[in-house]
């Protein structure tokens, strides 16, 4: 069982922070991974109506998007899919996934804060962008949307950049290791 501080979501990527009454129905999730390591072990955490500890905690990004086993092939269905997967080494590059909760929406009376870890326990530097969908009983203020410059993606890297990083790593270490990957 997780300790409360392990699922407080404070370091997580926030994909919905809604005040008011409504129900959450979907998410488009875009990730640019600057590593060949699998990015999808981040758990989703749902804080409903002001909860300090989430009432719903998932088991990984791939499970949240109903895919499991680190999918590498594009596919689409009405409620979830991977329309874009990277063609690079490992899980390096850009991926787009979506999930719609049409038949199983997440209801909230006062607020909803929905988050997801970036990597296992937020250990990856991912470039994430999302579009969330929900219905609400009345209009309310939403946070300011970042301008174009603030939304700019990090530069893409490829296998050659990884080779260069590996060489630089080896020069700074006395052993021949590459790291935790």
C-alpha atoms as a PDB file:
ATOM      1  CA  UNK A   1       0.000   0.000   0.000  1.00  0.00           C
ATOM      2  CA  UNK A   2       1.233   3.484  -0.863  1.00  0.00           C
ATOM      3  CA  UNK A   3       2.099   5.937   1.874  1.00  0.00           C
ATOM      4  CA  UNK A   4       0.053   9.183   1.740  1.00  0.00           C
ATOM      5  CA  UNK A   5       3.077  11.212   0.573  1.00  0.00           C
ATOM      6  CA  UNK A   6       3.628   8.775  -2.311  1.00  0.00           C
ATOM      7  CA  UNK A   7       0.247   9.541  -3.837  1.00  0.00           C
ATOM      8  CA  UNK A   8      -0.250  13.192  -2.947  1.00  0.00           C
ATOM      9  CA  UNK A   9       0.208  14.107  -6.632  1.00  0.00           C
ATOM     10  CA  UNK A  10       2.174  17.275  -5.857  1.00  0.00           C
ATOM     11  CA  UNK A  11       4.836  16.613  -8.519  1.00  0.00           C
ATOM     12  CA  UNK A  12       2.403  15.163 -11.077  1.00  0.00           C
ATOM     13  CA  UNK A  13       1.386  16.690 -14.383  1.00  0.00           C
ATOM     14  CA  UNK A  14      -2.078  18.243 -13.901  1.00  0.00           C
ATOM     15  CA  UNK A  15      -4.435  17.627 -16.821  1.00  0.00           C
ATOM     16  CA  UNK A  16      -7.605  18.950 -15.181  1.00  0.00           C
ATOM     17  CA  UNK A  17      -8.107  21.405 -12.324  1.00  0.00           C
ATOM     18  CA  UNK A  18     -11.804  22.212 -12.352  1.00  0.00           C
ATOM     19  CA  UNK A  19     -13.923  24.151  -9.859  1.00  0.00           C
ATOM     20  CA  UNK A  20     -17.666  23.503  -9.775  1.00  0.00           C
ATOM     21  CA  UNK A  21     -20.022  20.614 -10.452  1.00  0.00           C
ATOM     22  CA  UNK A  22     -19.753  18.403 -13.507  1.00  0.00           C
ATOM     23  CA  UNK A  23     -18.383  15.257 -15.046  1.00  0.00           C
ATOM     24  CA  UNK A  24     -15.085  14.558 -16.794  1.00  0.00           C
ATOM     25  CA  UNK A  25     -15.404  12.760 -20.132  1.00  0.00           C
ATOM     26  CA  UNK A  26     -12.066  12.624 -21.899  1.00  0.00           C
ATOM     27  CA  UNK A  27      -8.450  13.423 -22.526  1.00  0.00           C
ATOM     28  CA  UNK A  28      -6.037  13.761 -25.426  1.00  0.00           C
ATOM     29  CA  UNK A  29      -2.479  13.198 -24.148  1.00  0.00           C
ATOM     30  CA  UNK A  30       0.556  14.187 -26.183  1.00  0.00           C
ATOM     31  CA  UNK A  31       3.991  13.196 -24.917  1.00  0.00           C
ATOM     32  CA  UNK A  32       7.437  13.834 -26.314  1.00  0.00           C
ATOM     33  CA  UNK A  33       9.897  11.490 -24.651  1.00  0.00           C
ATOM     34  CA  UNK A  34      13.590  12.501 -24.766  1.00  0.00           C
ATOM     35  CA  UNK A  35      14.650   8.995 -23.686  1.00  0.00           C
ATOM     36  CA  UNK A  36      14.498   5.490 -25.098  1.00  0.00           C
ATOM     37  CA  UNK A  37      13.076   4.334 -21.733  1.00  0.00           C
ATOM     38  CA  UNK A  38       9.377   3.495 -21.438  1.00  0.00           C
ATOM     39  CA  UNK A  39       7.508   6.596 -20.221  1.00  0.00           C
ATOM     40  CA  UNK A  40       4.240   4.894 -19.387  1.00  0.00           C
ATOM     41  CA  UNK A  41       4.524   3.821 -15.761  1.00  0.00           C
ATOM     42  CA  UNK A  42       3.114   7.094 -14.433  1.00  0.00           C
ATOM     43  CA  UNK A  43       0.026   6.566 -12.273  1.00  0.00           C
ATOM     44  CA  UNK A  44      -3.049   8.727 -12.723  1.00  0.00           C
ATOM     45  CA  UNK A  45      -4.469  10.248  -9.521  1.00  0.00           C
ATOM     46  CA  UNK A  46      -7.959  11.724  -9.164  1.00  0.00           C
ATOM     47  CA  UNK A  47      -8.760  14.185  -6.361  1.00  0.00           C
ATOM     48  CA  UNK A  48     -12.538  14.614  -6.248  1.00  0.00           C
ATOM     49  CA  UNK A  49     -14.257  17.427  -4.320  1.00  0.00           C
ATOM     50  CA  UNK A  50     -11.147  18.685  -2.503  1.00  0.00           C
ATOM     51  CA  UNK A  51      -9.625  15.359  -1.453  1.00  0.00           C
ATOM     52  CA  UNK A  52      -6.054  15.510  -0.126  1.00  0.00           C
ATOM     53  CA  UNK A  53      -5.473  11.841  -0.936  1.00  0.00           C
ATOM     54  CA  UNK A  54      -6.888  10.699  -4.288  1.00  0.00           C
ATOM     55  CA  UNK A  55      -9.929   8.431  -4.275  1.00  0.00           C
ATOM     56  CA  UNK A  56      -8.787   6.873  -7.561  1.00  0.00           C
ATOM     57  CA  UNK A  57      -5.171   5.893  -8.324  1.00  0.00           C
ATOM     58  CA  UNK A  58      -4.262   4.081 -11.519  1.00  0.00           C
ATOM     59  CA  UNK A  59      -1.524   1.568 -12.249  1.00  0.00           C
ATOM     60  CA  UNK A  60       0.283   3.239 -15.139  1.00  0.00           C
ATOM     61  CA  UNK A  61      -0.140   5.496 -18.141  1.00  0.00           C
ATOM     62  CA  UNK A  62      -0.572   2.562 -20.512  1.00  0.00           C
ATOM     63  CA  UNK A  63      -3.338   1.125 -18.320  1.00  0.00           C
ATOM     64  CA  UNK A  64      -5.056   4.514 -18.028  1.00  0.00           C
ATOM     65  CA  UNK A  65      -5.303   4.626 -21.822  1.00  0.00           C
ATOM     66  CA  UNK A  66      -6.513   0.976 -21.997  1.00  0.00           C
ATOM     67  CA  UNK A  67      -3.461  -0.288 -23.855  1.00  0.00           C
ATOM     68  CA  UNK A  68      -1.022  -2.080 -21.558  1.00  0.00           C
ATOM     69  CA  UNK A  69       2.283  -3.631 -22.578  1.00  0.00           C
ATOM     70  CA  UNK A  70       3.881  -0.469 -24.028  1.00  0.00           C
ATOM     71  CA  UNK A  71       2.152  -0.311 -27.436  1.00  0.00           C
ATOM     72  CA  UNK A  72       4.252   0.529 -30.486  1.00  0.00           C
ATOM     73  CA  UNK A  73       1.590   0.271 -33.221  1.00  0.00           C
ATOM     74  CA  UNK A  74      -0.992   2.961 -33.963  1.00  0.00           C
ATOM     75  CA  UNK A  75      -4.625   2.001 -33.415  1.00  0.00           C
ATOM     76  CA  UNK A  76      -7.933   3.760 -32.858  1.00  0.00           C
ATOM     77  CA  UNK A  77     -11.285   2.874 -31.384  1.00  0.00           C
ATOM     78  CA  UNK A  78     -14.247   5.085 -30.427  1.00  0.00           C
ATOM     79  CA  UNK A  79     -13.185   5.493 -26.784  1.00  0.00           C
ATOM     80  CA  UNK A  80      -9.388   5.056 -26.696  1.00  0.00           C
ATOM     81  CA  UNK A  81      -6.447   4.810 -29.024  1.00  0.00           C
ATOM     82  CA  UNK A  82      -2.858   5.524 -30.026  1.00  0.00           C
ATOM     83  CA  UNK A  83      -3.181   7.409 -33.328  1.00  0.00           C
ATOM     84  CA  UNK A  84       0.490   8.395 -33.255  1.00  0.00           C
ATOM     85  CA  UNK A  85       3.411   6.381 -31.940  1.00  0.00           C
ATOM     86  CA  UNK A  86       7.039   7.206 -32.436  1.00  0.00           C
ATOM     87  CA  UNK A  87       9.126   5.454 -35.027  1.00  0.00           C
ATOM     88  CA  UNK A  88      12.364   5.981 -33.137  1.00  0.00           C
ATOM     89  CA  UNK A  89      14.527   3.802 -30.924  1.00  0.00           C
ATOM     90  CA  UNK A  90      12.656   2.456 -27.897  1.00  0.00           C
ATOM     91  CA  UNK A  91      10.050   5.003 -26.798  1.00  0.00           C
ATOM     92  CA  UNK A  92      12.000   8.045 -27.924  1.00  0.00           C
ATOM     93  CA  UNK A  93       9.928  10.674 -29.697  1.00  0.00           C
ATOM     94  CA  UNK A  94       6.342  11.870 -29.896  1.00  0.00           C
ATOM     95  CA  UNK A  95       3.229   9.877 -29.094  1.00  0.00           C
ATOM     96  CA  UNK A  96      -0.459  10.817 -28.985  1.00  0.00           C
ATOM     97  CA  UNK A  97      -3.026   8.799 -27.023  1.00  0.00           C
ATOM     98  CA  UNK A  98      -6.632   9.473 -26.086  1.00  0.00           C
ATOM     99  CA  UNK A  99      -9.361   8.146 -23.863  1.00  0.00           C
ATOM    100  CA  UNK A 100     -13.010   9.137 -23.628  1.00  0.00           C
ATOM    101  CA  UNK A 101     -15.075   8.264 -20.556  1.00  0.00           C
ATOM    102  CA  UNK A 102     -18.419   8.469 -22.335  1.00  0.00           C
ATOM    103  CA  UNK A 103     -19.853   5.359 -20.671  1.00  0.00           C
ATOM    104  CA  UNK A 104     -17.991   5.846 -17.363  1.00  0.00           C
ATOM    105  CA  UNK A 105     -17.566   9.590 -16.655  1.00  0.00           C
ATOM    106  CA  UNK A 106     -15.920  10.835 -13.470  1.00  0.00           C
ATOM    107  CA  UNK A 107     -18.527  12.853 -11.535  1.00  0.00           C
ATOM    108  CA  UNK A 108     -17.678  15.690  -9.137  1.00  0.00           C
ATOM    109  CA  UNK A 109     -19.821  18.035  -7.031  1.00  0.00           C
ATOM    110  CA  UNK A 110     -17.358  20.812  -6.071  1.00  0.00           C
ATOM    111  CA  UNK A 111     -14.073  20.238  -7.884  1.00  0.00           C
ATOM    112  CA  UNK A 112     -11.854  17.831  -9.743  1.00  0.00           C
ATOM    113  CA  UNK A 113      -8.090  17.743  -9.872  1.00  0.00           C
ATOM    114  CA  UNK A 114      -6.822  15.016 -12.193  1.00  0.00           C
ATOM    115  CA  UNK A 115      -3.090  14.342 -12.467  1.00  0.00           C
ATOM    116  CA  UNK A 116      -0.623  11.833 -13.858  1.00  0.00           C
ATOM    117  CA  UNK A 117       2.969  11.041 -12.973  1.00  0.00           C
ATOM    118  CA  UNK A 118       5.616  11.644 -15.621  1.00  0.00           C
ATOM    119  CA  UNK A 119       7.421   8.324 -15.556  1.00  0.00           C
ATOM    120  CA  UNK A 120       7.570   6.113 -12.478  1.00  0.00           C
ATOM    121  CA  UNK A 121       7.190   8.426  -9.454  1.00  0.00           C
ATOM    122  CA  UNK A 122       7.849  11.482 -11.680  1.00  0.00           C
ATOM    123  CA  UNK A 123      11.373  10.394 -12.606  1.00  0.00           C
ATOM    124  CA  UNK A 124      11.285  11.431 -16.295  1.00  0.00           C
ATOM    125  CA  UNK A 125      11.613  14.812 -17.988  1.00  0.00           C
ATOM    126  CA  UNK A 126       8.736  14.434 -20.444  1.00  0.00           C
ATOM    127  CA  UNK A 127       7.291  17.149 -22.666  1.00  0.00           C
ATOM    128  CA  UNK A 128       3.529  16.693 -22.084  1.00  0.00           C
ATOM    129  CA  UNK A 129       0.528  18.541 -23.493  1.00  0.00           C
ATOM    130  CA  UNK A 130      -3.112  17.630 -22.950  1.00  0.00           C
ATOM    131  CA  UNK A 131      -6.627  18.596 -23.941  1.00  0.00           C
ATOM    132  CA  UNK A 132      -9.273  17.706 -21.342  1.00  0.00           C
ATOM    133  CA  UNK A 133     -13.033  17.452 -21.930  1.00  0.00           C
ATOM    134  CA  UNK A 134     -15.749  17.818 -19.331  1.00  0.00           C
ATOM    135  CA  UNK A 135     -19.307  19.012 -18.833  1.00  0.00           C
ATOM    136  CA  UNK A 136     -20.092  21.506 -16.107  1.00  0.00           C
ATOM    137  CA  UNK A 137     -23.326  22.874 -14.662  1.00  0.00           C
ATOM    138  CA  UNK A 138     -22.291  26.523 -15.204  1.00  0.00           C
ATOM    139  CA  UNK A 139     -19.470  28.504 -16.735  1.00  0.00           C
ATOM    140  CA  UNK A 140     -16.533  29.341 -14.535  1.00  0.00           C
ATOM    141  CA  UNK A 141     -13.080  30.877 -14.822  1.00  0.00           C
ATOM    142  CA  UNK A 142     -10.396  28.658 -16.336  1.00  0.00           C
ATOM    143  CA  UNK A 143      -6.665  29.318 -16.001  1.00  0.00           C
ATOM    144  CA  UNK A 144      -4.989  31.447 -18.639  1.00  0.00           C
ATOM    145  CA  UNK A 145      -3.917  29.398 -21.629  1.00  0.00           C
ATOM    146  CA  UNK A 146      -0.157  29.752 -22.267  1.00  0.00           C
ATOM    147  CA  UNK A 147       0.808  31.723 -25.367  1.00  0.00           C
ATOM    148  CA  UNK A 148       2.432  30.134 -28.425  1.00  0.00           C
ATOM    149  CA  UNK A 149       6.004  30.703 -27.194  1.00  0.00           C
ATOM    150  CA  UNK A 150       5.209  29.134 -23.808  1.00  0.00           C
ATOM    151  CA  UNK A 151       3.669  26.088 -25.537  1.00  0.00           C
ATOM    152  CA  UNK A 152       6.689  25.453 -27.772  1.00  0.00           C
ATOM    153  CA  UNK A 153       7.807  21.820 -27.747  1.00  0.00           C
ATOM    154  CA  UNK A 154      11.260  20.823 -26.634  1.00  0.00           C
ATOM    155  CA  UNK A 155      13.551  19.966 -29.578  1.00  0.00           C
ATOM    156  CA  UNK A 156      13.292  16.426 -30.902  1.00  0.00           C
ATOM    157  CA  UNK A 157      16.217  14.123 -30.286  1.00  0.00           C
ATOM    158  CA  UNK A 158      17.096  10.935 -32.143  1.00  0.00           C
ATOM    159  CA  UNK A 159      19.439   7.956 -31.848  1.00  0.00           C
ATOM    160  CA  UNK A 160      22.456  10.106 -32.829  1.00  0.00           C
ATOM    161  CA  UNK A 161      21.810  12.508 -29.953  1.00  0.00           C
ATOM    162  CA  UNK A 162      21.566   9.533 -27.597  1.00  0.00           C
ATOM    163  CA  UNK A 163      24.922   8.271 -28.856  1.00  0.00           C
ATOM    164  CA  UNK A 164      26.448  11.698 -28.204  1.00  0.00           C
ATOM    165  CA  UNK A 165      24.945  11.802 -24.687  1.00  0.00           C
ATOM    166  CA  UNK A 166      26.243   8.294 -23.990  1.00  0.00           C
ATOM    167  CA  UNK A 167      29.759   9.286 -25.072  1.00  0.00           C
ATOM    168  CA  UNK A 168      29.671  12.409 -22.876  1.00  0.00           C
ATOM    169  CA  UNK A 169      28.398  10.298 -19.952  1.00  0.00           C
ATOM    170  CA  UNK A 170      31.243   7.799 -20.336  1.00  0.00           C
ATOM    171  CA  UNK A 171      33.841  10.586 -20.370  1.00  0.00           C
ATOM    172  CA  UNK A 172      32.626  11.879 -17.002  1.00  0.00           C
ATOM    173  CA  UNK A 173      32.441   8.450 -15.306  1.00  0.00           C
ATOM    174  CA  UNK A 174      35.306   6.225 -14.268  1.00  0.00           C
ATOM    175  CA  UNK A 175      33.401   3.089 -15.238  1.00  0.00           C
ATOM    176  CA  UNK A 176      31.792   2.285 -18.541  1.00  0.00           C
ATOM    177  CA  UNK A 177      28.179   2.446 -17.328  1.00  0.00           C
ATOM    178  CA  UNK A 178      25.474   4.434 -19.072  1.00  0.00           C
ATOM    179  CA  UNK A 179      23.008   4.966 -16.257  1.00  0.00           C
ATOM    180  CA  UNK A 180      19.751   3.477 -15.024  1.00  0.00           C
ATOM    181  CA  UNK A 181      18.178   2.701 -18.361  1.00  0.00           C
END
